[in-house]
């Protein structure tokens, strides 16, 4: 189900024998929430940049989001690039995973392919970024 408005969730996971409370704010990249999003950047310890591998425009927007993060987030914020809808048929994919990996490498980001529909790699992605944050504290 697509995000309409801003979706907020809290999830507690155990990382390195510590309970970590994740607060997840999902704006679905909607331009109308850009000013609100800038406020969240200031306190964020981790940011997941998600694009839809079946929509080229969402991949192209990652560069703009990275600029916003650089302008408004703490310099040590952890970032992960995610190609969502990895479960879609290859014929429907407009962005090859190698392009995502190359962009992630260019910006020093971790890269994951996920499927929000099936849950593939979603938990691993959250565990990865939470572990990076904990190890940096």
N, C-alpha and C. Protein backbone atom coordinates (compact mmCIF):
# COMPACT_ATOMS: atom_id res chain seq x y z
N UNK A 1 0.84 -1.17 0.00
CA UNK A 1 0.00 0.00 0.00
C UNK A 1 0.89 1.24 0.00
N UNK A 2 0.68 2.18 -0.90
CA UNK A 2 1.52 3.37 -0.96
C UNK A 2 1.30 4.28 0.25
N UNK A 3 2.34 5.04 0.56
CA UNK A 3 2.23 6.00 1.66
C UNK A 3 1.50 7.25 1.17
N UNK A 4 0.48 7.64 1.89
CA UNK A 4 -0.24 8.88 1.60
C UNK A 4 -0.06 9.75 2.83
N UNK A 5 0.53 10.91 2.66
CA UNK A 5 0.88 11.74 3.80
C UNK A 5 2.18 11.26 4.39
N UNK A 6 2.34 11.39 5.69
CA UNK A 6 3.54 10.93 6.38
C UNK A 6 3.16 9.75 7.26
N UNK A 7 3.87 8.65 7.10
CA UNK A 7 3.63 7.47 7.91
C UNK A 7 4.72 7.41 8.98
N UNK A 8 4.32 7.18 10.23
CA UNK A 8 5.26 7.12 11.35
C UNK A 8 5.09 5.79 12.06
N UNK A 9 6.20 5.09 12.27
CA UNK A 9 6.18 3.81 12.98
C UNK A 9 7.31 3.76 13.98
N UNK A 10 7.09 3.02 15.05
CA UNK A 10 8.14 2.76 16.04
C UNK A 10 8.32 1.25 16.12
N UNK A 11 9.57 0.82 16.10
CA UNK A 11 9.87 -0.60 16.22
C UNK A 11 11.10 -0.74 17.09
N UNK A 12 11.05 -1.68 18.02
CA UNK A 12 12.19 -1.95 18.88
C UNK A 12 12.84 -3.25 18.43
N UNK A 13 14.17 -3.18 18.20
CA UNK A 13 14.91 -4.37 17.80
C UNK A 13 16.13 -4.50 18.71
N UNK A 14 16.66 -5.70 18.79
CA UNK A 14 17.84 -5.94 19.61
C UNK A 14 19.07 -5.95 18.71
N UNK A 15 20.00 -5.05 19.00
CA UNK A 15 21.24 -4.94 18.24
C UNK A 15 22.40 -5.00 19.23
N UNK A 16 23.30 -5.92 19.05
CA UNK A 16 24.48 -6.06 19.91
C UNK A 16 24.09 -6.08 21.39
N UNK A 17 23.05 -6.84 21.70
CA UNK A 17 22.52 -6.99 23.06
C UNK A 17 21.98 -5.69 23.66
N UNK A 18 21.56 -4.78 22.80
CA UNK A 18 20.93 -3.54 23.25
C UNK A 18 19.59 -3.41 22.55
N UNK A 19 18.56 -3.01 23.31
CA UNK A 19 17.28 -2.72 22.68
C UNK A 19 17.36 -1.33 22.06
N UNK A 20 17.07 -1.29 20.78
CA UNK A 20 17.15 -0.04 20.03
C UNK A 20 15.75 0.29 19.51
N UNK A 21 15.30 1.50 19.82
CA UNK A 21 13.98 1.94 19.35
C UNK A 21 14.17 2.73 18.06
N UNK A 22 13.62 2.20 16.99
CA UNK A 22 13.68 2.87 15.70
C UNK A 22 12.41 3.69 15.52
N UNK A 23 12.57 4.95 15.18
CA UNK A 23 11.44 5.80 14.81
C UNK A 23 11.56 6.01 13.31
N UNK A 24 10.59 5.53 12.58
CA UNK A 24 10.64 5.58 11.12
C UNK A 24 9.59 6.56 10.61
N UNK A 25 10.07 7.56 9.90
CA UNK A 25 9.20 8.57 9.29
C UNK A 25 9.26 8.37 7.79
N UNK A 26 8.13 8.08 7.18
CA UNK A 26 8.08 7.80 5.74
C UNK A 26 7.27 8.88 5.06
N UNK A 27 7.95 9.69 4.24
CA UNK A 27 7.26 10.74 3.49
C UNK A 27 7.01 10.33 2.05
N UNK A 28 7.48 9.14 1.68
CA UNK A 28 7.33 8.63 0.31
C UNK A 28 7.90 9.60 -0.71
N UNK A 29 8.84 10.44 -0.29
CA UNK A 29 9.50 11.35 -1.22
C UNK A 29 8.62 12.46 -1.76
N UNK A 30 7.49 12.68 -1.13
CA UNK A 30 6.56 13.68 -1.65
C UNK A 30 7.11 15.09 -1.45
N UNK A 31 7.13 15.82 -2.52
CA UNK A 31 7.69 17.18 -2.54
C UNK A 31 7.00 18.09 -1.53
N UNK A 32 5.72 17.90 -1.32
CA UNK A 32 4.98 18.81 -0.42
C UNK A 32 5.44 18.69 1.03
N UNK A 33 6.17 17.63 1.37
CA UNK A 33 6.66 17.44 2.73
C UNK A 33 8.14 17.83 2.88
N UNK A 34 8.72 18.43 1.85
CA UNK A 34 10.15 18.72 1.87
C UNK A 34 10.54 19.60 3.06
N UNK A 35 9.77 20.63 3.38
CA UNK A 35 10.15 21.49 4.51
C UNK A 35 10.04 20.76 5.84
N UNK A 36 9.05 19.89 5.97
CA UNK A 36 8.92 19.09 7.19
C UNK A 36 10.09 18.11 7.28
N UNK A 37 10.41 17.49 6.16
CA UNK A 37 11.49 16.51 6.11
C UNK A 37 12.80 17.14 6.54
N UNK A 38 13.05 18.37 6.14
CA UNK A 38 14.29 19.05 6.51
C UNK A 38 14.44 19.14 8.03
N UNK A 39 13.34 19.31 8.73
CA UNK A 39 13.37 19.36 10.19
C UNK A 39 13.77 18.00 10.77
N UNK A 40 13.26 16.93 10.21
CA UNK A 40 13.59 15.59 10.70
C UNK A 40 15.06 15.25 10.46
N UNK A 41 15.64 15.77 9.40
CA UNK A 41 17.05 15.49 9.11
C UNK A 41 17.95 15.88 10.27
N UNK A 42 17.64 17.01 10.91
CA UNK A 42 18.51 17.53 11.96
C UNK A 42 18.73 16.53 13.10
N UNK A 43 17.70 15.79 13.47
CA UNK A 43 17.82 14.85 14.57
C UNK A 43 18.03 13.41 14.14
N UNK A 44 18.07 13.17 12.85
CA UNK A 44 18.18 11.80 12.36
C UNK A 44 19.58 11.23 12.57
N UNK A 45 19.62 9.99 12.98
CA UNK A 45 20.90 9.28 13.10
C UNK A 45 21.10 8.36 11.90
N UNK A 46 20.03 8.06 11.19
CA UNK A 46 20.10 7.21 10.01
C UNK A 46 19.00 7.57 9.03
N UNK A 47 19.32 7.47 7.75
CA UNK A 47 18.35 7.80 6.70
C UNK A 47 18.38 6.71 5.64
N UNK A 48 17.19 6.21 5.30
CA UNK A 48 17.05 5.23 4.24
C UNK A 48 16.54 5.95 3.00
N UNK A 49 17.33 5.91 1.94
CA UNK A 49 16.94 6.52 0.68
C UNK A 49 16.42 5.40 -0.22
N UNK A 50 15.13 5.44 -0.52
CA UNK A 50 14.49 4.35 -1.24
C UNK A 50 14.03 4.84 -2.61
N UNK A 51 14.37 4.04 -3.63
CA UNK A 51 13.81 4.31 -4.95
C UNK A 51 13.10 3.06 -5.45
N UNK A 52 12.18 3.28 -6.36
CA UNK A 52 11.39 2.21 -6.98
C UNK A 52 12.12 1.81 -8.25
N UNK A 53 12.63 0.58 -8.29
CA UNK A 53 13.42 0.16 -9.46
C UNK A 53 12.59 0.05 -10.73
N UNK A 54 11.27 0.21 -10.64
CA UNK A 54 10.43 0.20 -11.84
C UNK A 54 10.11 1.62 -12.33
N UNK A 55 10.65 2.63 -11.62
CA UNK A 55 10.39 4.03 -11.97
C UNK A 55 11.70 4.81 -11.98
N UNK A 56 12.19 5.11 -13.16
CA UNK A 56 13.47 5.81 -13.33
C UNK A 56 13.51 7.14 -12.57
N UNK A 57 12.39 7.87 -12.57
CA UNK A 57 12.36 9.19 -11.94
C UNK A 57 12.68 9.10 -10.45
N UNK A 58 12.27 8.04 -9.78
CA UNK A 58 12.56 7.91 -8.36
C UNK A 58 14.06 7.72 -8.12
N UNK A 59 14.71 7.00 -9.01
CA UNK A 59 16.17 6.83 -8.93
C UNK A 59 16.87 8.16 -9.17
N UNK A 60 16.42 8.90 -10.17
CA UNK A 60 17.03 10.20 -10.49
C UNK A 60 16.87 11.19 -9.34
N UNK A 61 15.80 11.06 -8.55
CA UNK A 61 15.56 11.96 -7.43
C UNK A 61 16.51 11.73 -6.26
N UNK A 62 17.18 10.60 -6.22
CA UNK A 62 18.10 10.30 -5.12
C UNK A 62 19.17 11.38 -4.99
N UNK A 63 19.68 11.86 -6.10
CA UNK A 63 20.71 12.92 -6.06
C UNK A 63 20.17 14.16 -5.34
N UNK A 64 18.92 14.52 -5.60
CA UNK A 64 18.31 15.68 -4.93
C UNK A 64 18.18 15.43 -3.43
N UNK A 65 17.76 14.22 -3.05
CA UNK A 65 17.62 13.89 -1.63
C UNK A 65 18.98 13.92 -0.94
N UNK A 66 20.01 13.44 -1.62
CA UNK A 66 21.35 13.48 -1.02
C UNK A 66 21.80 14.92 -0.78
N UNK A 67 21.47 15.82 -1.69
CA UNK A 67 21.80 17.24 -1.50
C UNK A 67 21.06 17.81 -0.29
N UNK A 68 19.79 17.45 -0.14
CA UNK A 68 19.01 17.91 1.01
C UNK A 68 19.60 17.38 2.32
N UNK A 69 20.00 16.13 2.31
CA UNK A 69 20.60 15.53 3.50
C UNK A 69 21.90 16.23 3.84
N UNK A 70 22.74 16.47 2.83
CA UNK A 70 24.01 17.17 3.06
C UNK A 70 23.78 18.56 3.64
N UNK A 71 22.72 19.21 3.21
CA UNK A 71 22.43 20.57 3.66
C UNK A 71 21.82 20.63 5.05
N UNK A 72 21.07 19.59 5.45
CA UNK A 72 20.27 19.70 6.67
C UNK A 72 20.55 18.67 7.77
N UNK A 73 21.21 17.58 7.43
CA UNK A 73 21.46 16.53 8.44
C UNK A 73 22.83 16.69 9.07
N UNK A 74 23.04 15.98 10.17
CA UNK A 74 24.35 15.96 10.81
C UNK A 74 25.34 15.28 9.86
N UNK A 75 26.60 15.71 9.88
CA UNK A 75 27.57 15.14 8.94
C UNK A 75 27.81 13.64 9.12
N UNK A 76 27.59 13.12 10.31
CA UNK A 76 27.86 11.71 10.57
C UNK A 76 26.61 10.81 10.43
N UNK A 77 25.53 11.34 9.87
CA UNK A 77 24.31 10.55 9.72
C UNK A 77 24.59 9.34 8.82
N UNK A 78 24.06 8.19 9.22
CA UNK A 78 24.22 6.97 8.44
C UNK A 78 23.16 6.96 7.34
N UNK A 79 23.59 6.54 6.14
CA UNK A 79 22.67 6.51 5.00
C UNK A 79 22.77 5.17 4.29
N UNK A 80 21.63 4.70 3.82
CA UNK A 80 21.56 3.46 3.06
C UNK A 80 20.71 3.74 1.82
N UNK A 81 21.17 3.24 0.68
CA UNK A 81 20.41 3.34 -0.56
C UNK A 81 19.69 2.02 -0.79
N UNK A 82 18.39 2.11 -1.09
CA UNK A 82 17.56 0.91 -1.23
C UNK A 82 16.84 0.93 -2.57
N UNK A 83 16.97 -0.17 -3.30
CA UNK A 83 16.20 -0.39 -4.52
C UNK A 83 15.00 -1.24 -4.13
N UNK A 84 13.82 -0.65 -4.11
CA UNK A 84 12.62 -1.38 -3.73
C UNK A 84 11.95 -2.00 -4.96
N UNK A 85 11.09 -2.96 -4.71
CA UNK A 85 10.35 -3.73 -5.72
C UNK A 85 11.26 -4.70 -6.46
N UNK A 86 12.21 -5.27 -5.73
CA UNK A 86 13.12 -6.24 -6.34
C UNK A 86 12.40 -7.50 -6.78
N UNK A 87 11.17 -7.70 -6.31
CA UNK A 87 10.38 -8.87 -6.67
C UNK A 87 9.70 -8.74 -8.03
N UNK A 88 9.78 -7.58 -8.64
CA UNK A 88 9.11 -7.37 -9.92
C UNK A 88 9.85 -8.10 -11.04
N UNK A 89 9.14 -8.47 -12.10
CA UNK A 89 9.79 -9.12 -13.24
C UNK A 89 10.86 -8.21 -13.84
N UNK A 90 11.92 -8.82 -14.34
CA UNK A 90 13.03 -8.04 -14.93
C UNK A 90 12.54 -7.09 -16.02
N UNK A 91 11.56 -7.51 -16.78
CA UNK A 91 11.04 -6.67 -17.87
C UNK A 91 10.43 -5.37 -17.37
N UNK A 92 9.97 -5.35 -16.10
CA UNK A 92 9.35 -4.15 -15.53
C UNK A 92 10.37 -3.21 -14.89
N UNK A 93 11.56 -3.70 -14.66
CA UNK A 93 12.58 -2.90 -13.97
C UNK A 93 13.22 -1.91 -14.94
N UNK A 94 13.26 -0.66 -14.52
CA UNK A 94 13.85 0.40 -15.33
C UNK A 94 15.25 0.78 -14.84
N UNK A 95 15.57 0.39 -13.60
CA UNK A 95 16.87 0.73 -13.02
C UNK A 95 17.57 -0.57 -12.63
N UNK A 96 18.64 -0.88 -13.32
CA UNK A 96 19.41 -2.08 -13.04
C UNK A 96 20.09 -1.94 -11.67
N UNK A 97 20.15 -3.02 -10.89
CA UNK A 97 20.79 -2.94 -9.57
C UNK A 97 22.24 -2.45 -9.62
N UNK A 98 22.94 -2.70 -10.70
CA UNK A 98 24.32 -2.23 -10.82
C UNK A 98 24.40 -0.70 -10.80
N UNK A 99 23.39 -0.03 -11.35
CA UNK A 99 23.35 1.44 -11.28
C UNK A 99 23.16 1.90 -9.85
N UNK A 100 22.31 1.20 -9.10
CA UNK A 100 22.11 1.52 -7.69
C UNK A 100 23.38 1.32 -6.89
N UNK A 101 24.05 0.19 -7.11
CA UNK A 101 25.32 -0.09 -6.42
C UNK A 101 26.37 0.97 -6.75
N UNK A 102 26.43 1.37 -8.02
CA UNK A 102 27.40 2.39 -8.44
C UNK A 102 27.13 3.72 -7.76
N UNK A 103 25.86 4.11 -7.68
CA UNK A 103 25.50 5.36 -7.00
C UNK A 103 25.85 5.27 -5.51
N UNK A 104 25.53 4.13 -4.91
CA UNK A 104 25.85 3.93 -3.49
C UNK A 104 27.37 4.02 -3.28
N UNK A 105 28.14 3.37 -4.12
CA UNK A 105 29.60 3.42 -4.01
C UNK A 105 30.12 4.85 -4.17
N UNK A 106 29.55 5.56 -5.11
CA UNK A 106 29.96 6.95 -5.37
C UNK A 106 29.80 7.84 -4.12
N UNK A 107 28.78 7.54 -3.32
CA UNK A 107 28.49 8.36 -2.14
C UNK A 107 28.84 7.67 -0.82
N UNK A 108 29.50 6.54 -0.89
CA UNK A 108 29.91 5.84 0.32
C UNK A 108 28.73 5.27 1.11
N UNK A 109 27.71 4.83 0.41
CA UNK A 109 26.50 4.29 1.06
C UNK A 109 26.46 2.78 0.95
N UNK A 110 25.79 2.15 1.89
CA UNK A 110 25.46 0.74 1.76
C UNK A 110 24.31 0.64 0.77
N UNK A 111 24.17 -0.52 0.14
CA UNK A 111 23.12 -0.71 -0.86
C UNK A 111 22.39 -2.02 -0.61
N UNK A 112 21.06 -1.97 -0.68
CA UNK A 112 20.22 -3.15 -0.52
C UNK A 112 19.14 -3.16 -1.59
N UNK A 113 18.80 -4.35 -2.04
CA UNK A 113 17.61 -4.55 -2.85
C UNK A 113 16.55 -5.13 -1.92
N UNK A 114 15.34 -4.59 -1.97
CA UNK A 114 14.27 -5.04 -1.09
C UNK A 114 12.96 -5.19 -1.84
N UNK A 115 12.02 -5.82 -1.17
CA UNK A 115 10.64 -5.85 -1.62
C UNK A 115 9.77 -5.56 -0.41
N UNK A 116 9.13 -4.41 -0.41
CA UNK A 116 8.21 -4.09 0.68
C UNK A 116 7.00 -5.02 0.64
N UNK A 117 6.65 -5.47 -0.53
CA UNK A 117 5.49 -6.36 -0.69
C UNK A 117 5.74 -7.72 -0.04
N UNK A 118 6.89 -8.33 -0.32
CA UNK A 118 7.18 -9.66 0.23
C UNK A 118 7.96 -9.60 1.55
N UNK A 119 8.55 -8.44 1.83
CA UNK A 119 9.37 -8.29 3.03
C UNK A 119 10.83 -8.67 2.81
N UNK A 120 11.18 -9.07 1.58
CA UNK A 120 12.54 -9.48 1.28
C UNK A 120 13.54 -8.37 1.63
N UNK A 121 14.49 -8.72 2.49
CA UNK A 121 15.63 -7.87 2.86
C UNK A 121 15.26 -6.62 3.67
N UNK A 122 13.99 -6.44 4.00
CA UNK A 122 13.58 -5.25 4.75
C UNK A 122 14.19 -5.28 6.15
N UNK A 123 14.01 -6.39 6.86
CA UNK A 123 14.56 -6.50 8.21
C UNK A 123 16.07 -6.36 8.22
N UNK A 124 16.74 -6.97 7.25
CA UNK A 124 18.20 -6.88 7.15
C UNK A 124 18.67 -5.44 6.97
N UNK A 125 17.90 -4.68 6.20
CA UNK A 125 18.26 -3.28 5.96
C UNK A 125 18.18 -2.48 7.25
N UNK A 126 17.10 -2.65 8.00
CA UNK A 126 16.95 -1.93 9.27
C UNK A 126 18.01 -2.37 10.27
N UNK A 127 18.29 -3.66 10.33
CA UNK A 127 19.31 -4.16 11.23
C UNK A 127 20.68 -3.59 10.87
N UNK A 128 20.96 -3.50 9.59
CA UNK A 128 22.25 -2.97 9.13
C UNK A 128 22.45 -1.52 9.56
N UNK A 129 21.46 -0.68 9.30
CA UNK A 129 21.63 0.74 9.62
C UNK A 129 21.64 0.95 11.14
N UNK A 130 20.82 0.20 11.86
CA UNK A 130 20.81 0.32 13.33
C UNK A 130 22.16 -0.11 13.92
N UNK A 131 22.73 -1.18 13.37
CA UNK A 131 24.04 -1.63 13.83
C UNK A 131 25.11 -0.59 13.55
N UNK A 132 25.08 0.01 12.37
CA UNK A 132 26.03 1.08 12.04
C UNK A 132 25.92 2.23 13.04
N UNK A 133 24.70 2.59 13.39
CA UNK A 133 24.48 3.70 14.31
C UNK A 133 25.02 3.33 15.71
N UNK A 134 24.68 2.16 16.20
CA UNK A 134 25.10 1.72 17.52
C UNK A 134 26.63 1.64 17.61
N UNK A 135 27.26 1.11 16.59
CA UNK A 135 28.71 0.96 16.59
C UNK A 135 29.42 2.32 16.58
N UNK A 136 28.71 3.35 16.11
CA UNK A 136 29.31 4.69 16.04
C UNK A 136 29.13 5.50 17.32
N UNK A 137 28.31 5.02 18.24
CA UNK A 137 28.05 5.78 19.47
C UNK A 137 29.19 5.66 20.46
